[in-house]
Amino acid sequence: MIVRFVNDMKKYFSYAKYSARSDLKSEVASSYLNWLWWILDPVMFMMVYTFIAVIVFKSKVQYFPVFVFIGLTLWNFFSKNIQGSVKMVRQNSSIVSKVYIPKYILVLQKMLVNGFKMMVSFVLVVIMMALYRVPVTLKVLYMIPIFALLVITTFGISCIVLHFGVFVDDLFNVVQILLRLIFYMSGIFYSIDDRLEGPLRSVLLYCNPASMLIKSARDCMLYSSTPNLKMLGIWGAASVVMCLIGIKLIYSYENSYVKVM
């Protein structure tokens, strides 16, 4: 299976890349502001959450706008890919029914689109860090394994929900509700360390990949501290297992997807 996966990735990666580029172009073709929406969208969400937390709830978190922006940027990549994968096969039925393509390539294509938008947002994060005079140390290099883990985790979960989304019509609604719950459990506009203590804090931080990745990114980018490498390693292993399960499911059942649709 792994050999087949590697060979298929080499064969179909170009399709995913060019398809992602086409999606990005078509997305802004009919908009007056074009690509500026990729900047304005996360900025406006950051301003809303900053207003609510600072003005309404009197948050004292240091560098709070940057704090929120980092969380939103990682969350958007994670949630949009997973939610979009549920109906991925049905939405691409014209392609799936006519030519063979490993169905996880559709996930990869969407991840390239959202990954580009995430990189645009992180350019803004760097600019905001400079404006707020956030001290930068070599700890920021931990973002490399954090990004890698984010991609692997998202890909694994997306492949699994892609498979089950073909057979379970209501899965989209279930995933949407679960993602909304995880959003509020991930400390995107509040600090889990400040608000929670004891076992609940540990559960929210380490049993939720989104909150663990967001906290790790903030630790190394904003506070010059080392993230929890043990938990990164555990989730790295778990994510590889999820990828293997997702790929195995797709390879085993993808010939029946067209019949179900």
C-alpha atoms as a PDB file:
ATOM      1  CA  MET A   1       0.000   0.000   0.000  1.00  0.00           C
ATOM      2  CA  ILE A   2       2.764   2.450   0.900  1.00  0.00           C
ATOM      3  CA  VAL A   3       4.595   1.787  -2.373  1.00  0.00           C
ATOM      4  CA  ARG A   4       1.371   2.337  -4.301  1.00  0.00           C
ATOM      5  CA  PHE A   5       0.728   5.536  -2.364  1.00  0.00           C
ATOM      6  CA  VAL A   6       4.194   6.912  -3.135  1.00  0.00           C
ATOM      7  CA  ASN A   7       3.879   6.039  -6.822  1.00  0.00           C
ATOM      8  CA  ASP A   8       0.418   7.594  -7.047  1.00  0.00           C
ATOM      9  CA  MET A   9       1.621  10.753  -5.342  1.00  0.00           C
ATOM     10  CA  LYS A  10       4.413  11.099  -7.896  1.00  0.00           C
ATOM     11  CA  LYS A  11       1.993  10.457 -10.737  1.00  0.00           C
ATOM     12  CA  TYR A  12      -0.896  12.692  -9.661  1.00  0.00           C
ATOM     13  CA  PHE A  13       0.773  15.488  -7.667  1.00  0.00           C
ATOM     14  CA  SER A  14       1.029  17.665 -10.773  1.00  0.00           C
ATOM     15  CA  TYR A  15      -2.735  17.385 -11.235  1.00  0.00           C
ATOM     16  CA  ALA A  16      -3.313  18.461  -7.611  1.00  0.00           C
ATOM     17  CA  LYS A  17      -0.942  21.406  -8.016  1.00  0.00           C
ATOM     18  CA  TYR A  18      -2.443  22.742 -11.250  1.00  0.00           C
ATOM     19  CA  SER A  19      -5.988  22.143 -10.026  1.00  0.00           C
ATOM     20  CA  ALA A  20      -5.228  24.094  -6.838  1.00  0.00           C
ATOM     21  CA  ARG A  21      -3.807  26.960  -8.873  1.00  0.00           C
ATOM     22  CA  SER A  22      -6.930  26.978 -11.043  1.00  0.00           C
ATOM     23  CA  ASP A  23      -9.184  27.035  -7.958  1.00  0.00           C
ATOM     24  CA  LEU A  24      -7.292  29.995  -6.497  1.00  0.00           C
ATOM     25  CA  LYS A  25      -7.624  31.955  -9.729  1.00  0.00           C
ATOM     26  CA  SER A  26     -11.323  31.198 -10.170  1.00  0.00           C
ATOM     27  CA  GLU A  27     -12.042  32.014  -6.521  1.00  0.00           C
ATOM     28  CA  VAL A  28     -11.067  35.663  -6.950  1.00  0.00           C
ATOM     29  CA  ALA A  29     -11.965  36.111 -10.623  1.00  0.00           C
ATOM     30  CA  SER A  30     -15.418  37.547  -9.935  1.00  0.00           C
ATOM     31  CA  SER A  31     -14.441  39.600  -6.880  1.00  0.00           C
ATOM     32  CA  TYR A  32     -13.644  43.320  -6.975  1.00  0.00           C
ATOM     33  CA  LEU A  33     -10.958  42.943  -4.318  1.00  0.00           C
ATOM     34  CA  ASN A  34      -9.523  39.742  -5.820  1.00  0.00           C
ATOM     35  CA  TRP A  35      -6.734  38.236  -3.709  1.00  0.00           C
ATOM     36  CA  LEU A  36      -7.100  40.933  -1.030  1.00  0.00           C
ATOM     37  CA  TRP A  37      -9.927  38.854   0.451  1.00  0.00           C
ATOM     38  CA  TRP A  38      -7.320  36.265   1.480  1.00  0.00           C
ATOM     39  CA  ILE A  39      -5.890  38.988   3.724  1.00  0.00           C
ATOM     40  CA  LEU A  40      -9.086  40.781   4.742  1.00  0.00           C
ATOM     41  CA  ASP A  41     -10.978  37.650   5.790  1.00  0.00           C
ATOM     42  CA  PRO A  42      -8.622  36.546   8.638  1.00  0.00           C
ATOM     43  CA  VAL A  43      -7.893  40.168   9.611  1.00  0.00           C
ATOM     44  CA  MET A  44     -11.577  40.983  10.102  1.00  0.00           C
ATOM     45  CA  PHE A  45     -12.174  37.803  12.123  1.00  0.00           C
ATOM     46  CA  MET A  46      -9.161  38.662  14.275  1.00  0.00           C
ATOM     47  CA  MET A  47     -10.538  42.165  14.894  1.00  0.00           C
ATOM     48  CA  VAL A  48     -13.951  40.785  15.914  1.00  0.00           C
ATOM     49  CA  TYR A  49     -12.531  38.274  18.397  1.00  0.00           C
ATOM     50  CA  THR A  50     -10.042  40.803  19.735  1.00  0.00           C
ATOM     51  CA  PHE A  51     -12.845  43.295  20.371  1.00  0.00           C
ATOM     52  CA  ILE A  52     -14.988  40.699  22.147  1.00  0.00           C
ATOM     53  CA  ALA A  53     -12.159  39.371  24.316  1.00  0.00           C
ATOM     54  CA  VAL A  54     -10.397  42.643  25.165  1.00  0.00           C
ATOM     55  CA  ILE A  55     -13.315  45.085  25.400  1.00  0.00           C
ATOM     56  CA  VAL A  56     -16.108  42.798  26.578  1.00  0.00           C
ATOM     57  CA  PHE A  57     -14.280  40.133  28.611  1.00  0.00           C
ATOM     58  CA  LYS A  58     -11.207  42.227  29.565  1.00  0.00           C
ATOM     59  CA  SER A  59      -8.635  39.682  28.426  1.00  0.00           C
ATOM     60  CA  LYS A  60      -5.078  40.314  29.712  1.00  0.00           C
ATOM     61  CA  VAL A  61      -3.288  37.949  27.322  1.00  0.00           C
ATOM     62  CA  GLN A  62      -0.013  39.413  26.084  1.00  0.00           C
ATOM     63  CA  TYR A  63       0.135  40.292  22.354  1.00  0.00           C
ATOM     64  CA  PHE A  64      -3.527  39.360  22.133  1.00  0.00           C
ATOM     65  CA  PRO A  65      -4.251  40.307  18.473  1.00  0.00           C
ATOM     66  CA  VAL A  66      -1.275  38.207  17.329  1.00  0.00           C
ATOM     67  CA  PHE A  67      -2.331  35.491  19.789  1.00  0.00           C
ATOM     68  CA  VAL A  68      -5.766  35.320  18.124  1.00  0.00           C
ATOM     69  CA  PHE A  69      -4.395  35.573  14.593  1.00  0.00           C
ATOM     70  CA  ILE A  70      -2.090  32.569  15.044  1.00  0.00           C
ATOM     71  CA  GLY A  71      -4.973  30.504  16.395  1.00  0.00           C
ATOM     72  CA  LEU A  72      -7.359  31.501  13.614  1.00  0.00           C
ATOM     73  CA  THR A  73      -4.789  30.849  10.893  1.00  0.00           C
ATOM     74  CA  LEU A  74      -4.055  27.286  12.021  1.00  0.00           C
ATOM     75  CA  TRP A  75      -7.722  26.598  12.774  1.00  0.00           C
ATOM     76  CA  ASN A  76      -8.930  27.742   9.362  1.00  0.00           C
ATOM     77  CA  PHE A  77      -6.548  25.351   7.612  1.00  0.00           C
ATOM     78  CA  PHE A  78      -7.506  22.463   9.883  1.00  0.00           C
ATOM     79  CA  SER A  79     -11.288  22.960   9.834  1.00  0.00           C
ATOM     80  CA  LYS A  80     -11.807  23.988   6.200  1.00  0.00           C
ATOM     81  CA  ASN A  81      -9.963  20.942   4.885  1.00  0.00           C
ATOM     82  CA  ILE A  82     -11.789  18.486   7.136  1.00  0.00           C
ATOM     83  CA  GLN A  83     -15.232  19.987   6.542  1.00  0.00           C
ATOM     84  CA  GLY A  84     -14.620  20.221   2.798  1.00  0.00           C
ATOM     85  CA  SER A  85     -13.514  16.600   2.585  1.00  0.00           C
ATOM     86  CA  VAL A  86     -16.869  15.177   3.717  1.00  0.00           C
ATOM     87  CA  LYS A  87     -18.559  15.920   0.372  1.00  0.00           C
ATOM     88  CA  MET A  88     -15.376  15.933  -1.698  1.00  0.00           C
ATOM     89  CA  VAL A  89     -16.189  12.864  -3.800  1.00  0.00           C
ATOM     90  CA  ARG A  90     -19.766  13.910  -4.524  1.00  0.00           C
ATOM     91  CA  GLN A  91     -18.721  17.440  -5.457  1.00  0.00           C
ATOM     92  CA  ASN A  92     -16.182  16.035  -7.909  1.00  0.00           C
ATOM     93  CA  SER A  93     -18.478  13.334  -9.306  1.00  0.00           C
ATOM     94  CA  SER A  94     -17.901  14.532 -12.888  1.00  0.00           C
ATOM     95  CA  ILE A  95     -14.205  13.715 -12.518  1.00  0.00           C
ATOM     96  CA  VAL A  96     -14.544  10.634 -10.328  1.00  0.00           C
ATOM     97  CA  SER A  97     -17.040   8.960 -12.638  1.00  0.00           C
ATOM     98  CA  LYS A  98     -15.023   9.492 -15.830  1.00  0.00           C
ATOM     99  CA  VAL A  99     -11.328   9.074 -15.019  1.00  0.00           C
ATOM    100  CA  TYR A 100      -9.434   7.236 -12.327  1.00  0.00           C
ATOM    101  CA  ILE A 101      -7.713   9.329  -9.729  1.00  0.00           C
ATOM    102  CA  PRO A 102      -6.855   8.287  -6.165  1.00  0.00           C
ATOM    103  CA  LYS A 103      -9.511  10.057  -4.147  1.00  0.00           C
ATOM    104  CA  TYR A 104      -7.064  11.365  -1.557  1.00  0.00           C
ATOM    105  CA  ILE A 105      -5.570  13.495  -4.347  1.00  0.00           C
ATOM    106  CA  LEU A 106      -8.768  15.553  -4.101  1.00  0.00           C
ATOM    107  CA  VAL A 107      -7.943  16.124  -0.418  1.00  0.00           C
ATOM    108  CA  LEU A 108      -4.375  17.075  -1.321  1.00  0.00           C
ATOM    109  CA  GLN A 109      -5.621  19.561  -3.923  1.00  0.00           C
ATOM    110  CA  LYS A 110      -7.849  21.317  -1.385  1.00  0.00           C
ATOM    111  CA  MET A 111      -5.024  21.319   1.173  1.00  0.00           C
ATOM    112  CA  LEU A 112      -2.778  23.094  -1.334  1.00  0.00           C
ATOM    113  CA  VAL A 113      -5.437  25.784  -1.806  1.00  0.00           C
ATOM    114  CA  ASN A 114      -5.944  26.296   1.930  1.00  0.00           C
ATOM    115  CA  GLY A 115      -2.226  25.942   2.588  1.00  0.00           C
ATOM    116  CA  PHE A 116      -1.506  28.876   0.276  1.00  0.00           C
ATOM    117  CA  LYS A 117      -4.056  30.981   2.132  1.00  0.00           C
ATOM    118  CA  MET A 118      -2.499  29.932   5.448  1.00  0.00           C
ATOM    119  CA  MET A 119       0.919  31.107   4.262  1.00  0.00           C
ATOM    120  CA  VAL A 120      -0.584  34.480   3.290  1.00  0.00           C
ATOM    121  CA  SER A 121      -2.013  34.779   6.800  1.00  0.00           C
ATOM    122  CA  PHE A 122       1.314  33.878   8.377  1.00  0.00           C
ATOM    123  CA  VAL A 123       2.999  36.673   6.453  1.00  0.00           C
ATOM    124  CA  LEU A 124       0.550  38.965   8.251  1.00  0.00           C
ATOM    125  CA  VAL A 125       1.407  37.252  11.554  1.00  0.00           C
ATOM    126  CA  VAL A 126       5.087  38.094  11.010  1.00  0.00           C
ATOM    127  CA  ILE A 127       4.207  41.716  10.203  1.00  0.00           C
ATOM    128  CA  MET A 128       2.052  41.956  13.337  1.00  0.00           C
ATOM    129  CA  MET A 129       4.829  40.453  15.459  1.00  0.00           C
ATOM    130  CA  ALA A 130       7.123  43.211  14.207  1.00  0.00           C
ATOM    131  CA  LEU A 131       4.503  45.906  14.941  1.00  0.00           C
ATOM    132  CA  TYR A 132       3.960  44.588  18.483  1.00  0.00           C
ATOM    133  CA  ARG A 133       7.738  44.153  18.953  1.00  0.00           C
ATOM    134  CA  VAL A 134       7.476  40.485  19.840  1.00  0.00           C
ATOM    135  CA  PRO A 135      10.972  39.165  20.609  1.00  0.00           C
ATOM    136  CA  VAL A 136      11.998  36.449  18.153  1.00  0.00           C
ATOM    137  CA  THR A 137      14.397  33.647  19.081  1.00  0.00           C
ATOM    138  CA  LEU A 138      15.527  30.386  17.502  1.00  0.00           C
ATOM    139  CA  LYS A 139      12.559  28.717  19.207  1.00  0.00           C
ATOM    140  CA  VAL A 140      10.538  29.868  16.197  1.00  0.00           C
ATOM    141  CA  LEU A 141      12.179  27.034  14.224  1.00  0.00           C
ATOM    142  CA  TYR A 142       9.856  24.641  16.064  1.00  0.00           C
ATOM    143  CA  MET A 143       7.211  25.901  13.633  1.00  0.00           C
ATOM    144  CA  ILE A 144       8.701  23.556  11.013  1.00  0.00           C
ATOM    145  CA  PRO A 145       7.656  20.321  12.801  1.00  0.00           C
ATOM    146  CA  ILE A 146       4.427  22.016  13.939  1.00  0.00           C
ATOM    147  CA  PHE A 147       3.479  22.801  10.332  1.00  0.00           C
ATOM    148  CA  ALA A 148       4.425  19.274   9.295  1.00  0.00           C
ATOM    149  CA  LEU A 149       2.264  17.767  12.037  1.00  0.00           C
ATOM    150  CA  LEU A 150      -0.632  20.055  11.110  1.00  0.00           C
ATOM    151  CA  VAL A 151      -0.483  18.851   7.501  1.00  0.00           C
ATOM    152  CA  ILE A 152      -0.211  15.153   8.407  1.00  0.00           C
ATOM    153  CA  THR A 153      -2.999  15.325  10.996  1.00  0.00           C
ATOM    154  CA  THR A 154      -5.322  17.217   8.668  1.00  0.00           C
ATOM    155  CA  PHE A 155      -4.617  14.863   5.772  1.00  0.00           C
ATOM    156  CA  GLY A 156      -5.281  11.754   7.876  1.00  0.00           C
ATOM    157  CA  ILE A 157      -8.577  12.987   9.318  1.00  0.00           C
ATOM    158  CA  SER A 158      -9.678  14.367   5.930  1.00  0.00           C
ATOM    159  CA  CYS A 159      -9.091  11.031   4.191  1.00  0.00           C
ATOM    160  CA  ILE A 160     -11.143   9.209   6.811  1.00  0.00           C
ATOM    161  CA  VAL A 161     -14.106  11.602   6.638  1.00  0.00           C
ATOM    162  CA  LEU A 162     -13.891  11.618   2.809  1.00  0.00           C
ATOM    163  CA  HIS A 163     -14.442   7.867   2.811  1.00  0.00           C
ATOM    164  CA  PHE A 164     -17.339   7.807   5.255  1.00  0.00           C
ATOM    165  CA  GLY A 165     -18.856  10.931   3.712  1.00  0.00           C
ATOM    166  CA  VAL A 166     -19.601   8.940   0.549  1.00  0.00           C
ATOM    167  CA  PHE A 167     -21.764   6.454   2.453  1.00  0.00           C
ATOM    168  CA  VAL A 168     -23.265   8.611   5.235  1.00  0.00           C
ATOM    169  CA  ASP A 169     -25.278  11.575   3.960  1.00  0.00           C
ATOM    170  CA  ASP A 170     -25.649  13.186   7.392  1.00  0.00           C
ATOM    171  CA  LEU A 171     -21.932  13.101   8.177  1.00  0.00           C
ATOM    172  CA  PHE A 172     -21.456  16.676   6.957  1.00  0.00           C
ATOM    173  CA  ASN A 173     -23.838  17.998   9.617  1.00  0.00           C
ATOM    174  CA  VAL A 174     -22.172  15.896  12.321  1.00  0.00           C
ATOM    175  CA  VAL A 175     -18.682  17.059  11.332  1.00  0.00           C
ATOM    176  CA  GLN A 176     -19.862  20.668  11.223  1.00  0.00           C
ATOM    177  CA  ILE A 177     -21.191  20.446  14.786  1.00  0.00           C
ATOM    178  CA  LEU A 178     -18.070  18.671  16.051  1.00  0.00           C
ATOM    179  CA  LEU A 179     -15.794  21.271  14.475  1.00  0.00           C
ATOM    180  CA  ARG A 180     -17.812  24.050  16.063  1.00  0.00           C
ATOM    181  CA  LEU A 181     -17.408  22.356  19.447  1.00  0.00           C
ATOM    182  CA  ILE A 182     -13.678  21.840  18.912  1.00  0.00           C
ATOM    183  CA  PHE A 183     -13.335  25.490  17.897  1.00  0.00           C
ATOM    184  CA  TYR A 184     -14.546  26.655  21.307  1.00  0.00           C
ATOM    185  CA  MET A 185     -12.450  23.995  23.058  1.00  0.00           C
ATOM    186  CA  SER A 186      -9.223  24.994  21.304  1.00  0.00           C
ATOM    187  CA  GLY A 187      -8.490  28.297  23.050  1.00  0.00           C
ATOM    188  CA  ILE A 188      -8.452  30.338  19.852  1.00  0.00           C
ATOM    189  CA  PHE A 189      -9.609  33.555  21.541  1.00  0.00           C
ATOM    190  CA  TYR A 190      -8.686  32.707  25.125  1.00  0.00           C
ATOM    191  CA  SER A 191      -5.777  31.071  26.943  1.00  0.00           C
ATOM    192  CA  ILE A 192      -6.504  27.546  28.161  1.00  0.00           C
ATOM    193  CA  ASP A 193      -3.614  27.889  30.641  1.00  0.00           C
ATOM    194  CA  ASP A 194      -5.218  30.931  32.264  1.00  0.00           C
ATOM    195  CA  ARG A 195      -8.828  29.761  32.240  1.00  0.00           C
ATOM    196  CA  LEU A 196      -8.591  26.077  33.170  1.00  0.00           C
ATOM    197  CA  GLU A 197      -6.768  23.881  35.669  1.00  0.00           C
ATOM    198  CA  GLY A 198      -6.394  20.194  36.468  1.00  0.00           C
ATOM    199  CA  PRO A 199      -7.488  17.253  34.318  1.00  0.00           C
ATOM    200  CA  LEU A 200      -9.846  19.332  32.127  1.00  0.00           C
ATOM    201  CA  ARG A 201      -6.945  21.536  31.044  1.00  0.00           C
ATOM    202  CA  SER A 202      -4.847  18.510  30.102  1.00  0.00           C
ATOM    203  CA  VAL A 203      -7.725  16.952  28.160  1.00  0.00           C
ATOM    204  CA  LEU A 204      -8.414  20.106  26.160  1.00  0.00           C
ATOM    205  CA  LEU A 205      -4.741  20.730  25.457  1.00  0.00           C
ATOM    206  CA  TYR A 206      -3.425  17.289  24.640  1.00  0.00           C
ATOM    207  CA  CYS A 207      -6.404  15.205  23.520  1.00  0.00           C
ATOM    208  CA  ASN A 208      -7.407  17.847  20.982  1.00  0.00           C
ATOM    209  CA  PRO A 209      -4.901  18.151  18.105  1.00  0.00           C
ATOM    210  CA  ALA A 210      -6.110  21.652  17.203  1.00  0.00           C
ATOM    211  CA  SER A 211      -5.536  23.127  20.670  1.00  0.00           C
ATOM    212  CA  MET A 212      -2.205  21.328  21.045  1.00  0.00           C
ATOM    213  CA  LEU A 213      -0.903  22.654  17.709  1.00  0.00           C
ATOM    214  CA  ILE A 214      -2.195  26.179  18.346  1.00  0.00           C
ATOM    215  CA  LYS A 215      -0.626  26.331  21.812  1.00  0.00           C
ATOM    216  CA  SER A 216       2.652  24.936  20.471  1.00  0.00           C
ATOM    217  CA  ALA A 217       2.763  27.583  17.737  1.00  0.00           C
ATOM    218  CA  ARG A 218       2.075  30.386  20.224  1.00  0.00           C
ATOM    219  CA  ASP A 219       4.693  29.086  22.653  1.00  0.00           C
ATOM    220  CA  CYS A 220       7.527  29.180  20.140  1.00  0.00           C
ATOM    221  CA  MET A 221       6.440  32.289  18.187  1.00  0.00           C
ATOM    222  CA  LEU A 222       5.173  34.618  20.914  1.00  0.00           C
ATOM    223  CA  TYR A 223       6.727  33.465  24.160  1.00  0.00           C
ATOM    224  CA  SER A 224      10.098  32.016  23.050  1.00  0.00           C
ATOM    225  CA  SER A 225       9.441  28.732  24.841  1.00  0.00           C
ATOM    226  CA  THR A 226       9.795  25.109  23.799  1.00  0.00           C
ATOM    227  CA  PRO A 227       6.510  23.354  22.933  1.00  0.00           C
ATOM    228  CA  ASN A 228       5.640  19.998  24.482  1.00  0.00           C
ATOM    229  CA  LEU A 229       7.818  17.783  22.279  1.00  0.00           C
ATOM    230  CA  LYS A 230       6.503  14.593  23.859  1.00  0.00           C
ATOM    231  CA  MET A 231       2.921  15.404  22.871  1.00  0.00           C
ATOM    232  CA  LEU A 232       4.036  16.498  19.410  1.00  0.00           C
ATOM    233  CA  GLY A 233       5.695  13.102  19.006  1.00  0.00           C
ATOM    234  CA  ILE A 234       2.637  11.210  20.274  1.00  0.00           C
ATOM    235  CA  TRP A 235       0.308  13.091  17.944  1.00  0.00           C
ATOM    236  CA  GLY A 236       2.802  12.637  15.117  1.00  0.00           C
ATOM    237  CA  ALA A 237       2.601   8.862  15.526  1.00  0.00           C
ATOM    238  CA  ALA A 238      -1.195   8.984  15.862  1.00  0.00           C
ATOM    239  CA  SER A 239      -1.462  11.123  12.737  1.00  0.00           C
ATOM    240  CA  VAL A 240       0.616   8.692  10.679  1.00  0.00           C
ATOM    241  CA  VAL A 241      -1.709   5.896  11.805  1.00  0.00           C
ATOM    242  CA  MET A 242      -4.740   7.983  10.784  1.00  0.00           C
ATOM    243  CA  CYS A 243      -3.157   8.602   7.379  1.00  0.00           C
ATOM    244  CA  LEU A 244      -2.582   4.874   6.884  1.00  0.00           C
ATOM    245  CA  ILE A 245      -6.169   4.083   7.902  1.00  0.00           C
ATOM    246  CA  GLY A 246      -7.577   6.745   5.593  1.00  0.00           C
ATOM    247  CA  ILE A 247      -5.478   5.687   2.605  1.00  0.00           C
ATOM    248  CA  LYS A 248      -6.292   2.020   3.213  1.00  0.00           C
ATOM    249  CA  LEU A 249     -10.033   2.772   3.338  1.00  0.00           C
ATOM    250  CA  ILE A 250      -9.878   4.769   0.114  1.00  0.00           C
ATOM    251  CA  TYR A 251      -7.878   2.142  -1.771  1.00  0.00           C
ATOM    252  CA  SER A 252     -10.171  -0.630  -0.556  1.00  0.00           C
ATOM    253  CA  TYR A 253     -13.513   1.023  -1.371  1.00  0.00           C
ATOM    254  CA  GLU A 254     -12.932   3.746  -3.962  1.00  0.00           C
ATOM    255  CA  ASN A 255     -14.216   1.535  -6.801  1.00  0.00           C
ATOM    256  CA  SER A 256     -17.608   1.453  -5.088  1.00  0.00           C
ATOM    257  CA  TYR A 257     -17.872   5.227  -4.609  1.00  0.00           C
ATOM    258  CA  VAL A 258     -19.384   5.772  -8.057  1.00  0.00           C
ATOM    259  CA  LYS A 259     -22.070   3.123  -7.391  1.00  0.00           C
ATOM    260  CA  VAL A 260     -23.088   4.812  -4.163  1.00  0.00           C
ATOM    261  CA  MET A 261     -23.257   8.278  -5.728  1.00  0.00           C
END
